[in-house]
Every structure is written in C-alpha cells, then in structure tokens.
Amino acid sequence: MRYLELYNSYDFTIEKAEGVYIFDTDGNKYFDTFSGIGVLALGHSHPEVVHAISDKLHKYAHTSNYFLDQDTETVAELISDPGDKVFFVNSGTEATELALKIIKKKIGAGKILFFSNSFHGRSLGALSVNGFPGIRDQFKPLLPDTIEAEFNDIESLREAAANNPDIKAVFFEPLQGSGGVQPASEEFVAELNQLIDQNNWILAVDEVQAGLYRTAEKYSYQNFDLSPDLITVAKALGGGLPLGGVVMKGEMTGVLEPGDHGSTFAPNPLALRGARVVMEKLESMQDSIAERGEYFLKKLKELKSEKIKEVRGIGLMLGIELNEEIPDLRAKAQAEGILLNIVKGKVIRFLPALNITKDEIDQLLEKLKKII
C-alpha cells in the first residue's frame, strides 16, 4: 500500500454520510460521534451547505488571494467583533502558526507560556507550544523560548511566571479537546488573568475545536472570564472544507504588514461559501445548542456504570472519563453501530453535529448503555 498510514483507520469503506450517520458499502449504518472531529457542525451532507458550495463551484473554485472574494468580509464579520481584523488560513495548525508569527513580531525575544495537555497543531511551530510530549519531543529542537506549565495547576503557573520574568505571551485552550474534554477551573483562570494583567501578557486563545458555538457561546472563552488578544479558529468554519483563521483584537490588528504572511489557497472561495452558511445558521441556533447540550450532559450523567469516573464538558463538547481503559472499546462500539472517538486512552469524546436532535441523543445513549 503506497498511502502512508499514520492513523488507526476504521476497517470499512464509506458509501455515504447524512446528518449524524455514516453508511458503509456493506449496508451498515453507524452513529457518528466524531463529526469529522468537530468539523461538521451541521452534520454530514447538510443540503444548504452542499448547495452553497456547489453553486460557488459552478462559478469558480479558486482565484488566489489577489482577488477579494465576495464572502470574505461577511464571514470575517460573523466570527469577529467591530474593530477586529481577521486573516484566513487553511487549518487550525496554520492558525497557530500565524498567531505565533504575530506574537513573535510583537514581543521579540520574549517567552511564550503554554500548558500541558494543550493541543495546538503538529507543525514545528505549533509543536513548540503543544502540551503532548509524545508527539512533540521527538522533533526537538523546536522554537526556543517557550515555557510549559501544568494545566489547572495554580502553583505550577505561579512558578513558571516567577522563574521566567521575560514571559510576554500565553497560548491557552480554555476547554481542552485532545487533552480529554477538560475545562479550565475558575480558580486557574482567575490566577491566569491576574498574571496577564500584572505582566501585560498577550493572550492567544485556541478556539479551533471548542469555538464557533460548540459550547453554545460563539467562543468557549466566553464561558470563562477571559479577554483574548488573538483567537485561532478552524474545524467547523469551512462547512467541511479546509478553512481556518486568526481574529486579531486591539493592538494585534496593527502588527502585520503587507508581505508578512500569505497563502496560495486561503481563503478558498468554496470554503468561504460554506462558512457563510454554517456561521449564519449556527448564530440562529445558539439557544437550541445550549438546550441540547444540557440535555445530553444530563443523560450522560444518568448512566449508571462503575466504569465511569467522570462526565464533563460544556455545550455539545462532552466527554466520559473511564476509570480504566476498556479493551477493544472502539470495536465493541462499532458492533453496536456507534463510531466512538477515544482520546488519552480512556476518555470518550463527543463532538456531535450541533443540530443533533434529542431523539438522536436518546438513540445514542441506548447504544452506549450496552457498551459501558
């Protein structure tokens, strides 16, 4: 096989996908809890998204960033506040890279703080602020002047600040995704805010997975007491096509000058058209996302199993932490018609379509009961 396999892929071929379901070529139907790892906010093959992208494709597929697409400003307005600036890229990792470039240009030789179990991408720059040693350390040396502290550990945060007075910026994921659907504690955020205020740190918030109404708020940081200078977005933004971006606030809007950054493909016109539909619909769905998130969380907490250690999350970004790993859990789930996303070995991560119905949640929970 010539394709380099770096993922533990499922052993079936997809025939089609609609809503919260994937169908294989053998006629099997699976409940998809991945949603493309949070990409398909409106589920698979949403008709309005498909129509919008198809219509744009018949006009043109690509032009380059020397031509301002008609959807660019609309999508920028949908993901930012008045006074902000947005630059579009192709992915979450690229958004991290751009945020790092803005920070590095602003702070010069200053240091950047990041946290354990935080995931910001796999490129060399992104790995430099990535809190997973297993995927980071084998590629060292990386960017210098990055400092790691323990997530949700106030003493570790204080020690990092005290020992590194030249910290000038912090990369922060308020609701960790790959880290096990782990929200920052109120006390930890309060301490972080105090240090940001005292030291005038730049705050870059990673909203690639938890942002864009995944927690019912436009951005997950709005569930916390945070005021970012930079926001990275991607995943759900492009309606299934690659699209990311960096939202710049305040002084950050004036850091980059023409020639400082660019992209051949971003923003791709097809992805922008999908983004416009997705963001307009999600904005109108905010209350229903909150309601279904509360319903899903309540149902998960009603599961009675000695295998469950904790249920946690915000909105429709939820997780079950197990007391210990269950052998062949993914295969057992597949046999019951569920595609489970398992992170850190024993955390089941749920990133369902944000238009999932209560009936579909009930169906999922009935299947889940048989497994755990």
Protein backbone atom coordinates (compact mmCIF):
# COMPACT_ATOMS: atom_id res chain seq x y z
CA MET A 1 0.00 0.00 0.00
CA ARG A 2 1.52 3.32 -1.08
CA TYR A 3 -0.51 5.54 1.23
CA LEU A 4 1.40 6.18 4.47
CA GLU A 5 -0.97 5.18 7.25
CA LEU A 6 -0.42 7.27 10.38
CA TYR A 7 -3.91 6.76 11.80
CA ASN A 8 -5.69 3.69 13.10
CA SER A 9 -8.35 3.82 10.39
CA TYR A 10 -11.70 2.05 10.54
CA ASP A 11 -11.96 -1.16 8.52
CA PHE A 12 -14.87 -0.21 6.27
CA THR A 13 -15.45 1.91 3.18
CA ILE A 14 -17.91 4.79 3.39
CA GLU A 15 -20.75 4.73 0.87
CA LYS A 16 -22.41 7.97 2.01
CA ALA A 17 -22.99 10.12 5.09
CA GLU A 18 -26.06 12.10 6.12
CA GLY A 19 -26.80 14.03 9.31
CA VAL A 20 -25.35 12.13 12.27
CA TYR A 21 -24.94 8.87 10.35
CA ILE A 22 -22.31 7.20 8.18
CA PHE A 23 -23.25 4.30 5.88
CA ASP A 24 -20.69 1.77 4.63
CA THR A 25 -20.63 -0.15 1.35
CA ASP A 26 -21.92 -3.28 3.11
CA GLY A 27 -25.15 -1.54 4.10
CA ASN A 28 -24.23 -0.89 7.76
CA LYS A 29 -25.36 2.31 9.46
CA TYR A 30 -23.23 3.97 12.15
CA PHE A 31 -23.93 6.80 14.56
CA ASP A 32 -21.03 9.22 14.06
CA THR A 33 -19.85 10.93 17.26
CA PHE A 34 -16.76 12.38 15.51
CA SER A 35 -18.49 14.78 13.09
CA GLY A 36 -15.15 14.97 11.30
CA ILE A 37 -13.52 15.75 14.70
CA GLY A 38 -15.84 18.70 15.21
CA VAL A 39 -15.71 19.89 11.59
CA LEU A 40 -19.28 19.10 10.52
CA ALA A 41 -21.22 21.40 12.81
CA LEU A 42 -24.41 20.89 10.80
CA GLY A 43 -23.84 17.18 10.23
CA HIS A 44 -22.94 15.30 7.08
CA SER A 45 -24.20 16.49 3.69
CA HIS A 46 -26.30 19.35 5.01
CA PRO A 47 -28.37 20.37 1.96
CA GLU A 48 -27.91 24.13 2.33
CA VAL A 49 -24.14 23.79 2.72
CA VAL A 50 -23.90 21.37 -0.20
CA HIS A 51 -25.99 23.65 -2.41
CA ALA A 52 -23.99 26.77 -1.50
CA ILE A 53 -20.61 25.14 -2.18
CA SER A 54 -21.87 23.50 -5.38
CA ASP A 55 -23.29 26.80 -6.64
CA LYS A 56 -19.99 28.56 -5.96
CA LEU A 57 -18.05 25.74 -7.65
CA HIS A 58 -20.01 26.27 -10.86
CA LYS A 59 -18.85 29.90 -10.83
CA TYR A 60 -15.21 29.33 -9.85
CA ALA A 61 -13.20 27.12 -7.48
CA HIS A 62 -10.08 29.19 -6.88
CA THR A 63 -8.68 32.58 -7.76
CA SER A 64 -5.84 33.33 -5.23
CA ASN A 65 -5.70 35.96 -2.53
CA TYR A 66 -5.03 38.70 -5.09
CA PHE A 67 -8.82 38.74 -5.59
CA LEU A 68 -11.13 39.57 -2.67
CA ASP A 69 -13.97 37.05 -2.73
CA GLN A 70 -17.44 38.43 -2.07
CA ASP A 71 -17.90 36.22 1.02
CA THR A 72 -14.63 37.18 2.72
CA GLU A 73 -15.85 40.24 4.62
CA THR A 74 -19.18 38.63 5.54
CA VAL A 75 -17.51 35.60 7.11
CA ALA A 76 -14.96 37.83 8.86
CA GLU A 77 -17.81 39.83 10.39
CA LEU A 78 -19.58 36.63 11.52
CA ILE A 79 -16.57 35.45 13.55
CA SER A 80 -15.32 38.75 14.97
CA ASP A 81 -16.35 41.94 16.78
CA PRO A 82 -16.32 45.52 15.46
CA GLY A 83 -12.76 46.81 15.39
CA ASP A 84 -11.21 43.34 15.00
CA LYS A 85 -9.26 42.11 11.99
CA VAL A 86 -9.35 38.58 10.54
CA PHE A 87 -6.86 36.74 8.35
CA PHE A 88 -7.92 33.40 6.87
CA VAL A 89 -5.72 30.32 6.60
CA ASN A 90 -6.29 26.66 5.71
CA SER A 91 -6.34 24.87 9.07
CA GLY A 92 -6.06 25.08 12.84
CA THR A 93 -2.34 24.39 12.70
CA GLU A 94 -1.86 27.22 10.23
CA ALA A 95 -3.87 29.49 12.51
CA THR A 96 -1.49 28.62 15.35
CA GLU A 97 1.49 29.40 13.11
CA LEU A 98 0.07 32.80 12.17
CA ALA A 99 -0.73 33.63 15.80
CA LEU A 100 2.84 32.69 16.73
CA LYS A 101 4.22 34.95 13.99
CA ILE A 102 2.14 37.87 15.26
CA ILE A 103 3.31 37.22 18.81
CA LYS A 104 6.97 36.80 17.83
CA LYS A 105 6.95 40.03 15.84
CA LYS A 106 5.34 41.86 18.76
CA ILE A 107 7.43 40.51 21.65
CA GLY A 108 10.80 39.89 20.01
CA ALA A 109 12.93 37.76 22.33
CA GLY A 110 10.21 37.36 24.96
CA LYS A 111 9.00 33.91 26.02
CA ILE A 112 5.66 32.22 25.34
CA LEU A 113 3.84 30.24 28.03
CA PHE A 114 1.76 27.15 27.21
CA PHE A 115 0.17 24.29 29.15
CA SER A 116 0.28 20.53 29.49
CA ASN A 117 -2.30 18.53 27.52
CA SER A 118 -2.99 21.51 25.26
CA PHE A 119 -3.12 20.75 21.54
CA HIS A 120 -2.38 23.47 19.02
CA GLY A 121 -1.24 21.51 15.95
CA ARG A 122 1.55 19.35 14.57
CA SER A 123 3.82 21.67 12.58
CA LEU A 124 7.16 22.60 14.12
CA GLY A 125 5.97 25.97 15.40
CA ALA A 126 2.73 24.54 16.77
CA LEU A 127 4.61 21.67 18.42
CA SER A 128 6.67 24.26 20.30
CA VAL A 129 3.53 25.17 22.29
CA ASN A 130 1.99 21.69 22.27
CA GLY A 131 1.44 20.04 25.65
CA PHE A 132 1.81 16.44 24.43
CA PRO A 133 5.45 15.28 24.92
CA GLY A 134 4.80 12.07 22.99
CA ILE A 135 4.15 13.89 19.73
CA ARG A 136 6.41 16.89 20.47
CA ASP A 137 9.73 15.83 21.92
CA GLN A 138 10.88 13.56 19.08
CA PHE A 139 11.07 16.63 16.82
CA LYS A 140 13.23 18.79 19.08
CA PRO A 141 14.89 21.24 18.88
CA LEU A 142 11.79 23.36 18.26
CA LEU A 143 11.20 27.07 18.71
CA PRO A 144 13.22 28.42 21.63
CA ASP A 145 11.78 30.49 24.46
CA THR A 146 8.59 28.53 25.14
CA ILE A 147 7.71 27.60 28.71
CA GLU A 148 5.34 24.83 29.81
CA ALA A 149 3.19 24.87 32.96
CA GLU A 150 0.68 22.31 34.23
CA PHE A 151 -2.89 22.95 33.15
CA ASN A 152 -5.25 23.70 36.07
CA ASP A 153 -2.29 23.74 38.48
CA ILE A 154 -2.07 27.18 40.09
CA GLU A 155 1.28 26.52 41.80
CA SER A 156 2.84 25.40 38.51
CA LEU A 157 1.53 28.55 36.83
CA ARG A 158 2.88 30.80 39.58
CA GLU A 159 6.26 29.04 39.49
CA ALA A 160 6.54 29.42 35.72
CA ALA A 161 5.76 33.13 35.97
CA ALA A 162 8.15 33.71 38.88
CA ASN A 163 11.05 31.87 37.21
CA ASN A 164 10.55 33.45 33.80
CA PRO A 165 10.05 37.21 34.12
CA ASP A 166 10.55 37.53 30.35
CA ILE A 167 7.29 35.72 29.54
CA LYS A 168 5.38 38.06 27.22
CA ALA A 169 2.57 35.90 25.84
CA VAL A 170 0.47 32.87 26.66
CA PHE A 171 -1.19 30.26 24.43
CA PHE A 172 -4.30 28.89 26.11
CA GLU A 173 -7.01 26.32 25.35
CA PRO A 174 -9.81 27.06 27.88
CA LEU A 175 -11.62 23.80 27.12
CA GLN A 176 -9.07 21.19 26.15
CA GLY A 177 -10.18 18.81 23.40
CA SER A 178 -7.43 16.28 22.75
CA GLY A 179 -6.48 16.77 26.39
CA GLY A 180 -9.62 14.90 27.42
CA VAL A 181 -12.50 17.42 27.21
CA GLN A 182 -11.10 19.19 30.26
CA PRO A 183 -12.30 22.72 31.10
CA ALA A 184 -10.10 25.19 32.94
CA SER A 185 -11.11 25.72 36.55
CA GLU A 186 -12.50 29.05 37.70
CA GLU A 187 -9.60 29.44 40.15
CA PHE A 188 -7.00 28.70 37.48
CA VAL A 189 -8.47 31.26 35.09
CA ALA A 190 -8.56 33.85 37.88
CA GLU A 191 -4.85 33.30 38.58
CA LEU A 192 -4.02 33.43 34.88
CA ASN A 193 -5.95 36.68 34.47
CA GLN A 194 -4.11 38.22 37.41
CA LEU A 195 -0.74 37.35 35.87
CA ILE A 196 -1.84 38.63 32.45
CA ASP A 197 -2.88 41.95 33.98
CA GLN A 198 0.24 42.26 36.14
CA ASN A 199 2.68 41.44 33.35
CA ASN A 200 0.81 42.74 30.30
CA TRP A 201 0.97 39.32 28.61
CA ILE A 202 -0.58 38.79 25.18
CA LEU A 203 -3.33 36.16 25.42
CA ALA A 204 -3.85 33.86 22.43
CA VAL A 205 -6.89 31.62 22.86
CA ASP A 206 -7.21 28.41 20.86
CA GLU A 207 -10.83 28.01 19.70
CA VAL A 208 -10.14 25.58 16.87
CA GLN A 209 -12.19 22.79 18.42
CA ALA A 210 -14.26 24.40 21.17
CA GLY A 211 -15.15 27.58 19.30
CA LEU A 212 -17.86 28.53 16.80
CA TYR A 213 -20.85 27.65 19.02
CA ARG A 214 -19.60 24.18 20.04
CA THR A 215 -20.22 25.26 23.66
CA ALA A 216 -23.32 27.30 22.64
CA GLU A 217 -21.32 30.52 23.04
CA LYS A 218 -19.65 31.80 19.88
CA TYR A 219 -16.32 31.06 21.56
CA SER A 220 -15.58 28.80 24.52
CA TYR A 221 -13.59 31.54 26.28
CA GLN A 222 -16.91 33.35 26.78
CA ASN A 223 -17.78 30.64 29.32
CA PHE A 224 -14.76 31.85 31.29
CA ASP A 225 -13.59 35.28 32.41
CA LEU A 226 -11.10 35.81 29.59
CA SER A 227 -10.31 38.68 27.20
CA PRO A 228 -8.06 37.39 24.40
CA ASP A 229 -5.87 39.44 22.10
CA LEU A 230 -5.76 36.68 19.45
CA ILE A 231 -8.27 33.91 18.66
CA THR A 232 -7.48 30.92 16.46
CA VAL A 233 -10.37 29.18 14.65
CA ALA A 234 -10.78 26.38 12.10
CA LYS A 235 -12.55 22.96 12.04
CA ALA A 236 -16.28 23.84 11.81
CA LEU A 237 -15.61 27.10 9.98
CA GLY A 238 -15.46 25.84 6.40
CA GLY A 239 -18.53 23.61 6.43
CA GLY A 240 -16.41 20.52 5.74
CA LEU A 241 -13.75 22.20 3.59
CA PRO A 242 -10.38 23.40 4.94
CA LEU A 243 -10.59 26.89 6.40
CA GLY A 244 -9.11 28.50 9.47
CA GLY A 245 -8.41 31.98 10.69
CA VAL A 246 -6.92 34.27 13.29
CA VAL A 247 -9.03 37.01 14.86
CA MET A 248 -6.86 39.94 15.97
CA LYS A 249 -8.01 42.43 18.59
CA GLY A 250 -6.73 45.79 19.80
CA GLU A 251 -3.00 46.34 19.21
CA MET A 252 -2.75 42.97 17.47
CA THR A 253 -4.59 44.36 14.43
CA GLY A 254 -1.62 46.54 13.52
CA VAL A 255 1.26 44.09 13.95
CA LEU A 256 1.39 42.53 10.47
CA GLU A 257 2.20 44.49 7.33
CA PRO A 258 1.84 43.53 3.64
CA GLY A 259 4.27 40.70 2.86
CA ASP A 260 4.44 39.41 6.44
CA HIS A 261 2.13 36.47 5.74
CA GLY A 262 0.20 34.88 2.92
CA SER A 263 -1.35 31.72 1.48
CA THR A 264 -1.92 30.35 -2.00
CA PHE A 265 -5.19 28.64 -1.13
CA ALA A 266 -6.64 30.65 1.75
CA PRO A 267 -9.30 31.81 1.85
CA ASN A 268 -10.62 29.34 -0.68
CA PRO A 269 -13.88 30.60 -2.26
CA LEU A 270 -15.68 27.27 -1.78
CA ALA A 271 -14.78 27.08 1.90
CA LEU A 272 -15.82 30.70 2.39
CA ARG A 273 -19.22 30.00 0.86
CA GLY A 274 -19.71 27.02 3.15
CA ALA A 275 -18.54 29.11 6.11
CA ARG A 276 -21.10 31.79 5.43
CA VAL A 277 -23.97 29.30 5.53
CA VAL A 278 -22.63 27.49 8.60
CA MET A 279 -21.97 30.62 10.65
CA GLU A 280 -25.30 32.25 9.81
CA LYS A 281 -27.18 29.11 10.80
CA LEU A 282 -25.18 28.48 13.99
CA GLU A 283 -25.74 32.04 15.15
CA SER A 284 -29.51 31.46 14.97
CA MET A 285 -29.19 28.07 16.72
CA GLN A 286 -27.39 29.30 19.84
CA ASP A 287 -30.26 28.71 22.28
CA SER A 288 -31.08 25.27 20.90
CA ILE A 289 -27.42 24.22 21.08
CA ALA A 290 -27.37 25.18 24.77
CA GLU A 291 -30.60 23.29 25.42
CA ARG A 292 -29.46 20.11 23.67
CA GLY A 293 -26.07 20.32 25.33
CA GLU A 294 -27.71 20.42 28.77
CA TYR A 295 -29.97 17.53 27.78
CA PHE A 296 -27.06 15.41 26.50
CA LEU A 297 -24.96 16.13 29.61
CA LYS A 298 -27.87 15.24 31.90
CA LYS A 299 -28.43 11.95 30.06
CA LEU A 300 -24.73 11.08 30.24
CA LYS A 301 -24.67 11.74 33.99
CA GLU A 302 -27.65 9.39 34.39
CA LEU A 303 -25.60 6.49 33.04
CA LYS A 304 -25.02 4.08 35.88
CA SER A 305 -21.72 2.28 35.45
CA GLU A 306 -18.80 1.52 37.72
CA LYS A 307 -16.60 2.01 34.64
CA ILE A 308 -17.32 5.77 34.58
CA LYS A 309 -15.05 8.08 36.57
CA GLU A 310 -16.43 11.45 35.45
CA VAL A 311 -18.70 13.09 32.89
CA ARG A 312 -17.76 16.64 31.90
CA GLY A 313 -17.83 19.28 29.20
CA ILE A 314 -19.72 22.35 28.01
CA GLY A 315 -22.49 22.57 25.41
CA LEU A 316 -22.08 19.82 22.83
CA MET A 317 -18.42 19.20 23.57
CA LEU A 318 -18.70 16.44 26.16
CA GLY A 319 -16.62 13.59 27.49
CA ILE A 320 -16.81 10.48 29.62
CA GLU A 321 -13.61 9.66 31.51
CA LEU A 322 -13.41 5.96 32.34
CA ASN A 323 -11.75 4.58 35.44
CA GLU A 324 -9.53 2.46 33.21
CA GLU A 325 -9.20 1.60 29.55
CA ILE A 326 -11.77 -0.86 28.21
CA PRO A 327 -10.12 -3.39 25.87
CA ASP A 328 -11.41 -3.22 22.28
CA LEU A 329 -13.86 -0.44 23.21
CA ARG A 330 -13.88 1.04 19.73
CA ALA A 331 -14.61 -2.33 18.12
CA LYS A 332 -17.36 -3.09 20.64
CA ALA A 333 -18.96 0.27 19.91
CA GLN A 334 -18.73 -0.31 16.16
CA ALA A 335 -20.52 -3.63 16.58
CA GLU A 336 -23.36 -1.70 18.24
CA GLY A 337 -23.44 0.83 15.43
CA ILE A 338 -21.51 3.67 17.12
CA LEU A 339 -18.28 5.29 15.96
CA LEU A 340 -16.55 6.39 19.17
CA ASN A 341 -13.76 8.94 19.40
CA ILE A 342 -11.44 7.94 22.27
CA VAL A 343 -8.68 10.33 23.43
CA LYS A 344 -5.94 9.85 26.02
CA GLY A 345 -6.80 6.15 26.14
CA LYS A 346 -9.83 6.36 28.39
CA VAL A 347 -11.82 9.50 27.56
CA ILE A 348 -14.75 9.13 25.18
CA ARG A 349 -15.06 12.48 23.38
CA PHE A 350 -18.43 13.50 21.93
CA LEU A 351 -18.39 16.16 19.19
CA PRO A 352 -21.79 15.54 17.60
CA ALA A 353 -23.41 17.69 14.95
CA LEU A 354 -24.74 20.82 16.66
CA ASN A 355 -28.19 20.21 15.15
CA ILE A 356 -28.43 16.75 16.71
CA THR A 357 -31.97 16.10 17.98
CA LYS A 358 -32.99 14.92 21.45
CA ASP A 359 -34.33 11.75 19.84
CA GLU A 360 -30.92 11.09 18.27
CA ILE A 361 -29.26 11.72 21.63
CA ASP A 362 -31.59 9.15 23.19
CA GLN A 363 -30.76 6.63 20.45
CA LEU A 364 -27.05 7.16 21.04
CA LEU A 365 -27.40 6.73 24.80
CA GLU A 366 -29.32 3.45 24.40
CA LYS A 367 -26.48 2.06 22.32
CA LEU A 368 -23.88 3.42 24.73
CA LYS A 369 -25.53 1.67 27.68
CA LYS A 370 -24.84 -1.69 26.10
CA ILE A 371 -21.12 -0.97 25.97
CA ILE A 372 -20.33 0.71 29.29
